[in-house]
């Protein structure tokens, strides 16, 4: 929602001009598109079906969303090829008058609230009545006069809530007698909940409306009508969350975690298969990819929060794809700037600048000149946080289940190809790990309670020795387990050598304390022991853990 007080005069003028440019562009294109919206345009209207946000949405984002998704989904009444009900609102005078009238911000239902609106409406009704030789306008005007008079009387003689009930009952009475036209939903709602059984509007017999009732973690009652539960498990408002990487290994586990907690999910996908997967999971679909920054900005703009897990898993161009991630984070942050809406981006625990042998903690900032280019993600997040954007960082270790296990997935494929499972030196160097279900739950908790600039460690096991990992892989593949020297590591491991010999223990003590995160999943070795090594070959190309590349 936006509020006039939050917009300066200059901002409003620019918005009006922007709206005019968009409207003009729309009108110029009406003869170049079908009269009816395409199925894709209608599907795009799902973006308007989210829950009411609990924070202000930037006005330019609202306008962008209306134009991007609303304009394509219109019936082109304004075009010369439309035959049906004609609104006439796009004639030059009416179009310009609508802009001016919107700036007046009048409530024309009450004459006292808008004298000019009342006079113009009366005149229009009289002209229509004369043109069509109908008497209805005079009756309508009379009924509105009675309603306005009743409103003034009730306001003077009744408490505010009872005055509201009395006026609405009179409104229902006028509608029942055919003098006023209201939508069926409004009419039925008023009659059902505001006691239209009263035979007459007698202020002395009007009963008091139930009070407005709200609770921190329960349903809300407005005028006695029970609404949905607005609050999440911890008292946080339910959100519409834009998830990048929503069909990936980690993202596809985060999606049901969010939905089961009462949130809505808008998932990014570039494929039809991904769209079907998201729909089946109960999420809404947003088409785009990491190279389409405009699609990312739109997804973020129409959401209450962002979880960014997507990453291009091409280690042959690691520096390049890390810079792509930097630009993605900057684009998402720009869409959220000034709104207070949370954004959680993803990095790796190895980005922490910790002393050798000590477990990295959430308080360890990344090295400015870190040798691994993945540091670009945290640098982008830090820059946004410095500008006041509510952004946090989720640092991942090796995320695992019995199908995928972070960088270990690549080690398994390498062992399959070379016929040996290797570790570097004595194999005492450690990799931290977490089960994917525990990681997904932490993403939700962190977004719900996100603090600007915070770093969270999704670590269940602080460090699993690489020799133990190599040994369980060897047993699973039934291949020998060997040690390679640091000098031989590059020839054996290839790009994985940058990680294979590193000791990267990490702690999540602060994360657990801040968020109350509790672990339930099995450990890395247990999952490696349970996986089927020969049932299907590991899909290295799609292995989600590249996300944890440090």
Protein backbone atom coordinates (compact mmCIF):
# COMPACT_ATOMS: atom_id res chain seq x y z
CA UNK A 1 0.00 0.00 0.00
CA UNK A 2 1.13 3.52 -0.60
CA UNK A 3 0.29 6.64 1.36
CA UNK A 4 0.29 10.21 0.03
CA UNK A 5 2.37 11.45 2.92
CA UNK A 6 5.24 9.24 1.83
CA UNK A 7 5.47 10.84 -1.60
CA UNK A 8 6.94 14.26 -2.21
CA UNK A 9 5.42 16.69 -4.69
CA UNK A 10 8.25 16.12 -7.16
CA UNK A 11 7.81 12.37 -6.86
CA UNK A 12 4.07 12.63 -7.50
CA UNK A 13 4.62 14.82 -10.53
CA UNK A 14 7.09 12.34 -11.98
CA UNK A 15 4.68 9.47 -11.29
CA UNK A 16 1.84 11.31 -13.03
CA UNK A 17 4.07 11.95 -16.03
CA UNK A 18 5.21 8.33 -16.03
CA UNK A 19 1.60 7.16 -15.85
CA UNK A 20 0.71 9.46 -18.74
CA UNK A 21 3.56 8.07 -20.83
CA UNK A 22 2.46 4.52 -20.09
CA UNK A 23 -1.18 5.33 -20.89
CA UNK A 24 -0.16 6.97 -24.15
CA UNK A 25 1.96 3.98 -25.08
CA UNK A 26 -0.97 1.69 -24.31
CA UNK A 27 -3.36 3.69 -26.51
CA UNK A 28 -0.86 3.79 -29.38
CA UNK A 29 -0.64 0.01 -29.26
CA UNK A 30 -4.32 -0.94 -29.10
CA UNK A 31 -4.54 -1.59 -32.84
CA UNK A 32 -1.46 -3.81 -32.80
CA UNK A 33 -2.69 -6.40 -30.29
CA UNK A 34 -5.71 -8.72 -30.04
CA UNK A 35 -8.88 -7.30 -28.52
CA UNK A 36 -8.91 -10.06 -25.90
CA UNK A 37 -5.88 -10.72 -23.69
CA UNK A 38 -3.71 -13.76 -24.40
CA UNK A 39 -3.71 -16.76 -22.02
CA UNK A 40 -0.23 -15.72 -20.88
CA UNK A 41 -1.48 -12.22 -20.02
CA UNK A 42 -4.40 -13.65 -18.04
CA UNK A 43 -2.02 -15.97 -16.19
CA UNK A 44 0.04 -12.92 -15.27
CA UNK A 45 -2.90 -11.55 -13.27
CA UNK A 46 -2.02 -14.08 -10.55
CA UNK A 47 0.48 -11.51 -9.32
CA UNK A 48 -2.43 -9.38 -8.05
CA UNK A 49 -3.88 -12.18 -5.93
CA UNK A 50 -1.37 -12.03 -3.12
CA UNK A 51 -2.17 -11.14 0.47
CA UNK A 52 -2.23 -7.55 1.65
CA UNK A 53 1.36 -6.44 2.39
CA UNK A 54 2.19 -5.21 5.86
CA UNK A 55 4.61 -2.62 4.54
CA UNK A 56 4.40 0.24 2.10
CA UNK A 57 5.12 -0.57 -1.53
CA UNK A 58 7.03 2.00 -3.55
CA UNK A 59 4.64 3.97 -5.76
CA UNK A 60 6.73 3.49 -8.90
CA UNK A 61 6.72 -0.26 -8.25
CA UNK A 62 2.90 -0.23 -8.04
CA UNK A 63 2.68 1.63 -11.34
CA UNK A 64 5.20 -0.68 -12.98
CA UNK A 65 3.27 -3.74 -11.80
CA UNK A 66 -0.07 -2.37 -13.03
CA UNK A 67 1.35 -1.58 -16.45
CA UNK A 68 3.45 -4.73 -16.81
CA UNK A 69 0.70 -7.15 -15.82
CA UNK A 70 -2.53 -5.16 -15.98
CA UNK A 71 -2.20 -3.50 -19.38
CA UNK A 72 -1.68 -6.76 -21.32
CA UNK A 73 -4.71 -8.31 -19.58
CA UNK A 74 -7.26 -5.71 -20.66
CA UNK A 75 -10.04 -6.03 -23.18
CA UNK A 76 -9.14 -3.36 -25.74
CA UNK A 77 -12.30 -1.25 -25.42
CA UNK A 78 -10.43 1.78 -26.69
CA UNK A 79 -9.57 0.24 -30.04
CA UNK A 80 -11.55 0.49 -33.25
CA UNK A 81 -11.96 -3.28 -33.47
CA UNK A 82 -13.96 -3.66 -30.25
CA UNK A 83 -17.71 -4.24 -30.50
CA UNK A 84 -19.61 -4.44 -27.24
CA UNK A 85 -20.12 -2.27 -24.19
CA UNK A 86 -18.33 1.02 -24.74
CA UNK A 87 -16.98 2.78 -21.67
CA UNK A 88 -15.98 6.01 -23.38
CA UNK A 89 -13.38 6.68 -20.72
CA UNK A 90 -10.51 6.85 -23.20
CA UNK A 91 -11.87 9.79 -25.20
CA UNK A 92 -9.44 12.70 -24.85
CA UNK A 93 -11.64 14.80 -22.54
CA UNK A 94 -12.65 11.90 -20.32
CA UNK A 95 -9.12 10.55 -20.11
CA UNK A 96 -7.70 13.92 -19.08
CA UNK A 97 -10.60 14.49 -16.66
CA UNK A 98 -9.93 11.14 -14.99
CA UNK A 99 -6.34 12.17 -14.28
CA UNK A 100 -7.45 15.47 -12.75
CA UNK A 101 -10.29 13.88 -10.78
CA UNK A 102 -7.93 11.27 -9.37
CA UNK A 103 -5.70 14.07 -8.07
CA UNK A 104 -8.75 15.64 -6.38
CA UNK A 105 -9.07 12.43 -4.34
CA UNK A 106 -12.80 12.93 -3.75
CA UNK A 107 -15.40 10.66 -2.15
CA UNK A 108 -18.36 11.26 -4.44
CA UNK A 109 -20.67 8.93 -2.53
CA UNK A 110 -21.28 11.73 -0.01
CA UNK A 111 -22.26 15.14 -1.29
CA UNK A 112 -20.68 16.96 1.62
CA UNK A 113 -17.34 15.28 0.83
CA UNK A 114 -17.26 16.44 -2.79
CA UNK A 115 -19.54 19.30 -3.84
CA UNK A 116 -18.04 19.37 -7.33
CA UNK A 117 -18.44 15.59 -7.71
CA UNK A 118 -22.05 15.74 -6.59
CA UNK A 119 -22.93 18.56 -8.98
CA UNK A 120 -21.20 16.90 -11.93
CA UNK A 121 -22.87 13.58 -11.18
CA UNK A 122 -26.30 15.19 -10.86
CA UNK A 123 -25.78 17.00 -14.15
CA UNK A 124 -24.64 13.84 -15.92
CA UNK A 125 -27.62 11.91 -14.59
CA UNK A 126 -30.01 14.65 -15.63
CA UNK A 127 -28.57 14.77 -19.14
CA UNK A 128 -28.77 11.00 -19.49
CA UNK A 129 -32.31 11.01 -18.12
CA UNK A 130 -33.36 13.69 -20.62
CA UNK A 131 -31.58 11.99 -23.49
CA UNK A 132 -33.23 8.63 -22.81
CA UNK A 133 -36.47 10.10 -21.46
CA UNK A 134 -36.06 8.30 -18.14
CA UNK A 135 -37.18 9.60 -14.72
CA UNK A 136 -34.66 7.60 -12.72
CA UNK A 137 -32.15 10.37 -12.21
CA UNK A 138 -34.48 12.48 -10.12
CA UNK A 139 -35.37 9.51 -7.93
CA UNK A 140 -31.72 8.60 -7.54
CA UNK A 141 -30.84 12.14 -6.58
CA UNK A 142 -33.68 12.19 -4.05
CA UNK A 143 -32.49 8.96 -2.46
CA UNK A 144 -28.94 10.23 -2.22
CA UNK A 145 -30.18 13.40 -0.58
CA UNK A 146 -32.03 11.28 1.99
CA UNK A 147 -28.96 9.17 2.63
CA UNK A 148 -26.80 12.27 3.06
CA UNK A 149 -29.34 13.82 5.44
CA UNK A 150 -29.58 10.58 7.42
CA UNK A 151 -25.82 10.43 7.68
CA UNK A 152 -25.69 13.91 9.20
CA UNK A 153 -28.48 13.03 11.65
CA UNK A 154 -26.89 9.76 12.74
CA UNK A 155 -23.51 11.41 13.17
CA UNK A 156 -25.07 13.98 15.51
CA UNK A 157 -27.12 11.53 17.60
CA UNK A 158 -25.33 8.16 17.69
CA UNK A 159 -21.94 6.78 18.68
CA UNK A 160 -19.74 6.33 15.58
CA UNK A 161 -20.13 2.55 15.24
CA UNK A 162 -23.90 2.67 15.67
CA UNK A 163 -24.12 5.57 13.23
CA UNK A 164 -22.30 3.42 10.68
CA UNK A 165 -24.77 0.58 11.20
CA UNK A 166 -27.78 2.89 10.89
CA UNK A 167 -26.53 4.45 7.67
CA UNK A 168 -25.73 1.06 6.14
CA UNK A 169 -29.19 -0.24 7.01
CA UNK A 170 -30.74 2.73 5.26
CA UNK A 171 -28.43 2.07 2.32
CA UNK A 172 -29.66 -1.55 2.19
CA UNK A 173 -33.25 -0.35 2.36
CA UNK A 174 -32.73 1.98 -0.60
CA UNK A 175 -31.05 -0.83 -2.54
CA UNK A 176 -33.88 -3.24 -1.74
CA UNK A 177 -36.36 -0.80 -3.23
CA UNK A 178 -34.27 -0.50 -6.41
CA UNK A 179 -33.19 3.10 -5.92
CA UNK A 180 -29.49 2.33 -5.63
CA UNK A 181 -27.29 -0.09 -7.50
CA UNK A 182 -24.60 -1.93 -5.57
CA UNK A 183 -22.56 -4.96 -6.44
CA UNK A 184 -24.00 -8.25 -5.28
CA UNK A 185 -21.02 -8.95 -3.05
CA UNK A 186 -21.36 -5.65 -1.18
CA UNK A 187 -25.14 -5.98 -0.96
CA UNK A 188 -25.10 -9.58 0.34
CA UNK A 189 -22.28 -8.80 2.75
CA UNK A 190 -24.10 -5.83 4.28
CA UNK A 191 -27.39 -7.70 4.54
CA UNK A 192 -25.76 -10.78 6.10
CA UNK A 193 -23.57 -9.10 8.69
CA UNK A 194 -25.28 -5.80 9.47
CA UNK A 195 -28.74 -7.04 10.54
CA UNK A 196 -31.03 -5.95 7.68
CA UNK A 197 -33.83 -7.85 9.39
CA UNK A 198 -34.69 -4.62 11.20
CA UNK A 199 -37.99 -3.42 9.65
CA UNK A 200 -37.12 0.22 9.90
CA UNK A 201 -34.14 2.39 10.67
CA UNK A 202 -34.93 3.39 14.22
CA UNK A 203 -31.83 4.71 15.95
CA UNK A 204 -33.25 3.58 19.28
CA UNK A 205 -33.33 -0.08 18.22
CA UNK A 206 -29.94 -0.27 16.50
CA UNK A 207 -27.70 -2.75 18.32
CA UNK A 208 -24.04 -2.05 18.76
CA UNK A 209 -21.70 -3.70 16.28
CA UNK A 210 -19.21 -6.25 17.62
CA UNK A 211 -15.91 -4.58 18.41
CA UNK A 212 -12.88 -4.84 16.21
CA UNK A 213 -11.00 -7.84 17.58
CA UNK A 214 -7.40 -8.70 16.83
CA UNK A 215 -4.69 -10.84 18.38
CA UNK A 216 -1.02 -11.16 17.73
CA UNK A 217 -1.13 -14.72 16.46
CA UNK A 218 -4.75 -15.40 15.64
CA UNK A 219 -7.53 -14.55 13.22
CA UNK A 220 -8.88 -11.02 12.92
CA UNK A 221 -12.53 -10.02 13.26
CA UNK A 222 -13.82 -6.92 11.52
CA UNK A 223 -17.49 -6.08 12.11
CA UNK A 224 -17.90 -9.59 13.44
CA UNK A 225 -16.56 -11.24 10.29
CA UNK A 226 -13.74 -13.73 10.83
CA UNK A 227 -10.89 -13.28 8.36
CA UNK A 228 -7.80 -15.31 7.57
CA UNK A 229 -4.97 -15.67 10.06
CA UNK A 230 -2.70 -12.77 9.18
CA UNK A 231 0.20 -13.86 11.33
CA UNK A 232 2.89 -16.45 10.86
CA UNK A 233 4.00 -19.01 13.41
CA UNK A 234 6.13 -16.51 15.28
CA UNK A 235 3.71 -13.61 15.06
CA UNK A 236 5.17 -12.43 11.73
CA UNK A 237 2.78 -11.42 8.99
CA UNK A 238 2.39 -13.97 6.22
CA UNK A 239 4.23 -12.81 3.13
CA UNK A 240 4.34 -13.26 -0.60
CA UNK A 241 7.93 -14.37 -1.19
CA UNK A 242 9.81 -14.24 -4.47
CA UNK A 243 12.15 -17.24 -4.65
CA UNK A 244 14.89 -17.49 -7.26
CA UNK A 245 16.16 -21.00 -7.90
CA UNK A 246 12.72 -22.18 -6.84
CA UNK A 247 12.98 -25.43 -8.84
CA UNK A 248 16.56 -26.21 -7.81
CA UNK A 249 17.75 -28.63 -5.15
CA UNK A 250 17.55 -26.14 -2.27
CA UNK A 251 14.85 -23.85 -3.66
CA UNK A 252 12.42 -26.70 -4.32
CA UNK A 253 12.71 -27.62 -0.64
CA UNK A 254 12.29 -24.02 0.52
CA UNK A 255 9.05 -23.58 -1.47
CA UNK A 256 6.95 -26.14 0.50
CA UNK A 257 8.55 -24.97 3.75
CA UNK A 258 7.27 -21.44 3.09
CA UNK A 259 3.84 -22.54 1.88
CA UNK A 260 3.31 -24.84 4.86
CA UNK A 261 4.12 -21.90 7.15
CA UNK A 262 1.31 -19.85 5.57
CA UNK A 263 3.34 -17.80 3.09
CA UNK A 264 2.71 -17.46 -0.63
CA UNK A 265 5.51 -18.20 -3.07
CA UNK A 266 6.27 -16.57 -6.41
CA UNK A 267 8.86 -18.83 -7.99
CA UNK A 268 11.28 -17.86 -10.74
CA UNK A 269 11.61 -20.31 -13.62
CA UNK A 270 12.67 -20.15 -17.25
CA UNK A 271 11.11 -23.42 -18.43
CA UNK A 272 7.70 -24.95 -18.91
CA UNK A 273 8.74 -27.95 -16.82
CA UNK A 274 9.73 -25.61 -14.01
CA UNK A 275 6.40 -23.80 -14.25
CA UNK A 276 4.51 -27.09 -13.96
CA UNK A 277 6.64 -28.10 -10.98
CA UNK A 278 5.96 -24.82 -9.17
CA UNK A 279 2.23 -24.97 -9.88
CA UNK A 280 2.08 -28.53 -8.55
CA UNK A 281 3.82 -27.36 -5.38
CA UNK A 282 1.21 -24.64 -4.85
CA UNK A 283 3.41 -21.71 -5.90
CA UNK A 284 2.81 -18.97 -8.44
CA UNK A 285 5.02 -18.82 -11.51
CA UNK A 286 7.22 -15.92 -12.57
CA UNK A 287 9.02 -16.39 -15.89
CA UNK A 288 12.58 -15.16 -16.22
CA UNK A 289 16.20 -16.02 -15.56
CA UNK A 290 19.29 -14.56 -13.93
CA UNK A 291 20.31 -12.69 -17.07
CA UNK A 292 16.93 -10.97 -17.31
CA UNK A 293 17.36 -8.31 -14.63
CA UNK A 294 14.05 -6.64 -15.50
CA UNK A 295 12.14 -9.86 -14.76
CA UNK A 296 13.95 -10.09 -11.43
CA UNK A 297 13.07 -6.51 -10.51
CA UNK A 298 9.42 -7.15 -11.34
CA UNK A 299 9.34 -10.32 -9.26
CA UNK A 300 10.84 -8.52 -6.28
CA UNK A 301 8.60 -5.46 -6.71
CA UNK A 302 5.41 -7.52 -6.47
CA UNK A 303 6.54 -9.46 -3.39
CA UNK A 304 6.87 -8.88 0.35
CA UNK A 305 10.29 -10.50 0.53
CA UNK A 306 12.95 -12.24 -1.55
CA UNK A 307 14.95 -15.44 -1.11
CA UNK A 308 17.72 -15.67 -3.68
CA UNK A 309 19.15 -19.18 -4.12
CA UNK A 310 19.68 -19.34 -7.89
CA UNK A 311 23.20 -19.57 -9.25
CA UNK A 312 24.65 -20.45 -12.66
CA UNK A 313 26.61 -23.65 -12.07
CA UNK A 314 29.30 -23.21 -14.68
CA UNK A 315 32.70 -23.51 -13.03
CA UNK A 316 34.47 -23.07 -16.35
CA UNK A 317 33.36 -19.41 -16.14
CA UNK A 318 33.29 -19.08 -12.37
CA UNK A 319 34.48 -15.45 -12.24
CA UNK A 320 31.88 -14.47 -14.83
CA UNK A 321 28.93 -16.21 -13.18
CA UNK A 322 29.89 -14.74 -9.80
CA UNK A 323 29.68 -11.28 -11.35
CA UNK A 324 26.28 -12.22 -12.76
CA UNK A 325 25.21 -13.02 -9.20
CA UNK A 326 26.47 -9.63 -8.05
CA UNK A 327 24.29 -7.90 -10.66
CA UNK A 328 21.29 -10.05 -9.72
CA UNK A 329 21.61 -9.10 -6.04
CA UNK A 330 21.95 -5.41 -6.95
CA UNK A 331 18.82 -5.58 -9.14
CA UNK A 332 16.78 -7.30 -6.43
CA UNK A 333 17.99 -4.76 -3.88
CA UNK A 334 17.06 -1.83 -6.12
CA UNK A 335 13.49 -3.14 -6.36
CA UNK A 336 13.24 -3.35 -2.55
CA UNK A 337 15.05 -0.12 -1.69
CA UNK A 338 13.18 2.06 0.79
CA UNK A 339 10.43 -0.49 1.39
CA UNK A 340 11.76 -2.31 4.46
CA UNK A 341 10.95 -5.62 2.79
CA UNK A 342 13.51 -8.38 3.53
CA UNK A 343 15.87 -9.98 1.05
CA UNK A 344 17.99 -13.03 1.84
CA UNK A 345 20.85 -13.84 -0.52
CA UNK A 346 23.05 -16.91 -0.55
CA UNK A 347 26.79 -17.36 -0.07
CA UNK A 348 29.11 -19.99 1.41
CA UNK A 349 30.61 -20.49 4.86
CA UNK A 350 34.06 -20.44 3.26
CA UNK A 351 33.65 -16.72 2.56
CA UNK A 352 34.22 -15.95 6.24
CA UNK A 353 37.62 -14.50 7.11
CA UNK A 354 38.54 -16.76 10.03
CA UNK A 355 41.88 -17.80 11.51
CA UNK A 356 43.27 -21.18 10.37
CA UNK A 357 41.93 -24.06 12.47
CA UNK A 358 39.13 -21.98 14.01
CA UNK A 359 35.50 -22.49 13.04
CA UNK A 360 34.17 -19.55 11.05
CA UNK A 361 31.35 -17.65 12.74
CA UNK A 362 28.59 -15.34 11.58
CA UNK A 363 30.60 -12.36 12.82
CA UNK A 364 33.49 -13.11 10.46
CA UNK A 365 33.20 -10.72 7.52
CA UNK A 366 34.38 -11.86 4.10
CA UNK A 367 37.87 -11.04 2.95
CA UNK A 368 37.88 -8.01 0.68
CA UNK A 369 40.44 -9.72 -1.60
CA UNK A 370 39.13 -13.26 -1.21
CA UNK A 371 40.73 -15.62 -3.78
CA UNK A 372 37.36 -17.22 -4.54
CA UNK A 373 35.24 -14.88 -6.72
CA UNK A 374 32.07 -16.03 -4.95
CA UNK A 375 32.80 -13.22 -2.48
CA UNK A 376 31.09 -10.88 -4.99
CA UNK A 377 27.68 -11.94 -3.61
CA UNK A 378 28.48 -10.82 -0.08
CA UNK A 379 30.08 -7.62 -1.32
CA UNK A 380 26.89 -6.76 -3.19
CA UNK A 381 24.78 -7.50 -0.11
CA UNK A 382 27.02 -5.36 2.12
CA UNK A 383 26.74 -2.46 -0.31
CA UNK A 384 22.93 -2.69 -0.27
CA UNK A 385 22.82 -2.91 3.53
CA UNK A 386 24.95 0.23 3.74
CA UNK A 387 22.26 2.01 1.72
CA UNK A 388 19.53 0.90 4.12
CA UNK A 389 18.20 -2.06 2.15
CA UNK A 390 16.99 -4.81 4.50
CA UNK A 391 19.25 -7.58 3.21
CA UNK A 392 20.89 -10.54 4.92
CA UNK A 393 23.25 -13.35 3.89
CA UNK A 394 22.69 -17.09 4.24
CA UNK A 395 26.02 -18.91 4.21
CA UNK A 396 25.70 -22.53 3.17
CA UNK A 397 28.04 -25.47 3.77
CA UNK A 398 27.61 -28.77 1.87
CA UNK A 399 23.81 -29.17 1.64
CA UNK A 400 22.81 -32.79 1.40
CA UNK A 401 20.26 -35.56 1.26
CA UNK A 402 20.60 -39.03 -0.27
CA UNK A 403 20.56 -37.60 -3.85
CA UNK A 404 22.86 -34.58 -3.73
CA UNK A 405 25.53 -33.45 -1.30
CA UNK A 406 27.04 -30.12 -2.27
CA UNK A 407 30.56 -30.25 -3.62
CA UNK A 408 30.65 -33.88 -2.51
CA UNK A 409 28.39 -34.62 -5.49
CA UNK A 410 31.23 -33.60 -7.80
CA UNK A 411 33.72 -35.67 -5.78
CA UNK A 412 31.47 -38.71 -6.26
CA UNK A 413 31.30 -38.20 -10.02
CA UNK A 414 35.06 -37.69 -10.17
CA UNK A 415 35.64 -40.93 -8.24
CA UNK A 416 33.30 -42.74 -10.63
CA UNK A 417 35.23 -41.42 -13.65
CA UNK A 418 38.74 -42.05 -12.29
CA UNK A 419 38.04 -45.33 -10.49
CA UNK A 420 39.46 -44.06 -7.18
CA UNK A 421 38.11 -41.93 -4.33
CA UNK A 422 40.74 -39.43 -3.25
CA UNK A 423 41.51 -36.98 -0.50
CA UNK A 424 44.42 -34.51 -0.13
CA UNK A 425 47.31 -35.23 2.23
CA UNK A 426 46.19 -36.86 5.47
CA UNK A 427 42.54 -35.95 4.77
CA UNK A 428 42.04 -34.25 8.13
CA UNK A 429 40.76 -31.05 6.52
CA UNK A 430 37.04 -30.53 7.18
CA UNK A 431 33.93 -29.48 5.31
CA UNK A 432 30.82 -28.35 7.24
CA UNK A 433 27.43 -29.76 6.25
CA UNK A 434 23.64 -29.50 6.71
CA UNK A 435 20.62 -31.53 5.62
CA UNK A 436 18.53 -29.77 2.97
CA UNK A 437 15.36 -29.84 5.10
CA UNK A 438 17.15 -28.10 7.96
CA UNK A 439 18.56 -25.53 5.53
CA UNK A 440 15.11 -24.81 4.08
CA UNK A 441 13.66 -24.24 7.54
CA UNK A 442 16.47 -21.84 8.36
CA UNK A 443 15.83 -19.82 5.20
CA UNK A 444 12.24 -19.32 6.34
CA UNK A 445 13.18 -18.37 9.90
CA UNK A 446 15.85 -15.96 8.70
CA UNK A 447 13.56 -14.17 6.24
CA UNK A 448 10.77 -13.85 8.81
CA UNK A 449 13.12 -12.29 11.38
CA UNK A 450 15.78 -10.81 9.13
CA UNK A 451 18.04 -8.10 10.50
CA UNK A 452 19.73 -5.75 8.05
CA UNK A 453 23.29 -6.85 7.33
CA UNK A 454 22.99 -10.09 9.32
CA UNK A 455 24.87 -13.23 8.31
CA UNK A 456 23.40 -16.65 9.08
CA UNK A 457 25.23 -19.97 9.06
CA UNK A 458 23.20 -23.00 7.94
CA UNK A 459 25.61 -25.42 9.64
CA UNK A 460 24.58 -28.66 11.34
CA UNK A 461 28.01 -30.35 11.42
CA UNK A 462 30.93 -27.97 11.95
CA UNK A 463 33.36 -30.12 10.01
CA UNK A 464 33.35 -33.58 8.47
CA UNK A 465 36.92 -34.82 7.68
CA UNK A 466 37.56 -35.25 3.97
CA UNK A 467 39.13 -38.66 4.56
CA UNK A 468 35.84 -39.93 6.04
CA UNK A 469 33.96 -38.52 3.05
CA UNK A 470 36.36 -40.19 0.58
CA UNK A 471 36.11 -43.49 2.42
CA UNK A 472 32.31 -43.65 2.38
CA UNK A 473 32.34 -42.74 -1.33
CA UNK A 474 34.85 -45.52 -1.95
CA UNK A 475 32.63 -48.04 -0.19
CA UNK A 476 29.59 -46.89 -2.10
CA UNK A 477 31.27 -47.05 -5.52
CA UNK A 478 33.42 -50.04 -4.57
CA UNK A 479 36.59 -48.27 -5.65
CA UNK A 480 39.95 -47.83 -3.87
CA UNK A 481 40.50 -44.86 -1.56
CA UNK A 482 43.78 -43.00 -2.05
CA UNK A 483 45.65 -39.94 -0.82
CA UNK A 484 47.05 -37.40 -3.28
CA UNK A 485 49.66 -34.82 -2.38
CA UNK A 486 48.87 -31.10 -2.52
CA UNK A 487 51.07 -30.92 -5.61
CA UNK A 488 49.03 -33.65 -7.33
CA UNK A 489 45.66 -32.22 -6.30
CA UNK A 490 45.13 -29.99 -9.34
CA UNK A 491 45.88 -32.78 -11.80
CA UNK A 492 43.49 -35.13 -10.02
CA UNK A 493 40.64 -32.86 -8.91
CA UNK A 494 40.71 -30.14 -11.57
CA UNK A 495 38.70 -27.08 -10.52
CA UNK A 496 37.62 -28.97 -7.38
CA UNK A 497 41.24 -28.81 -6.14
CA UNK A 498 40.56 -25.23 -4.98
CA UNK A 499 38.31 -26.71 -2.29
CA UNK A 500 39.40 -30.34 -1.85
CA UNK A 501 42.38 -29.57 0.40
CA UNK A 502 40.93 -26.68 2.36
CA UNK A 503 40.05 -26.88 6.05
CA UNK A 504 36.75 -24.98 6.30
CA UNK A 505 35.04 -25.65 9.64
CA UNK A 506 32.14 -23.34 10.51
CA UNK A 507 29.87 -22.73 13.49
CA UNK A 508 26.16 -21.84 13.63
CA UNK A 509 25.95 -21.09 17.34
CA UNK A 510 24.90 -17.46 16.86
CA UNK A 511 22.34 -18.39 14.20
CA UNK A 512 20.73 -20.96 16.47
CA UNK A 513 20.61 -18.45 19.33
CA UNK A 514 19.11 -15.65 17.21
CA UNK A 515 16.50 -17.69 15.36
CA UNK A 516 15.80 -20.68 17.59
CA UNK A 517 16.84 -23.00 14.76
CA UNK A 518 16.67 -26.69 15.72
CA UNK A 519 18.17 -29.51 13.69
CA UNK A 520 16.29 -32.67 12.76
CA UNK A 521 18.01 -34.09 9.67
CA UNK A 522 20.64 -36.85 9.42
CA UNK A 523 24.34 -36.11 9.00
CA UNK A 524 26.37 -36.06 5.79
CA UNK A 525 28.02 -39.47 6.30
CA UNK A 526 24.64 -41.06 7.10
CA UNK A 527 23.16 -39.72 3.85
CA UNK A 528 26.20 -40.87 1.85
CA UNK A 529 25.83 -44.35 3.33
CA UNK A 530 22.14 -44.48 2.39
CA UNK A 531 22.37 -43.21 -1.19
CA UNK A 532 22.22 -45.56 -4.17
CA UNK A 533 25.48 -45.07 -6.05
CA UNK A 534 24.74 -47.32 -9.00
CA UNK A 535 20.98 -46.87 -9.47
CA UNK A 536 21.51 -43.74 -11.60
CA UNK A 537 24.55 -41.67 -12.34
CA UNK A 538 24.93 -38.39 -10.53
CA UNK A 539 23.61 -35.42 -12.46
CA UNK A 540 26.63 -33.20 -12.00
CA UNK A 541 25.39 -30.50 -14.35
CA UNK A 542 22.36 -29.78 -12.21
CA UNK A 543 23.90 -30.35 -8.79
CA UNK A 544 22.53 -27.61 -6.58
CA UNK A 545 25.49 -27.36 -4.25
CA UNK A 546 27.57 -25.28 -6.54
CA UNK A 547 25.67 -22.66 -4.63
CA UNK A 548 27.96 -23.44 -1.69
CA UNK A 549 31.12 -22.84 -3.68
CA UNK A 550 33.22 -20.72 -1.47
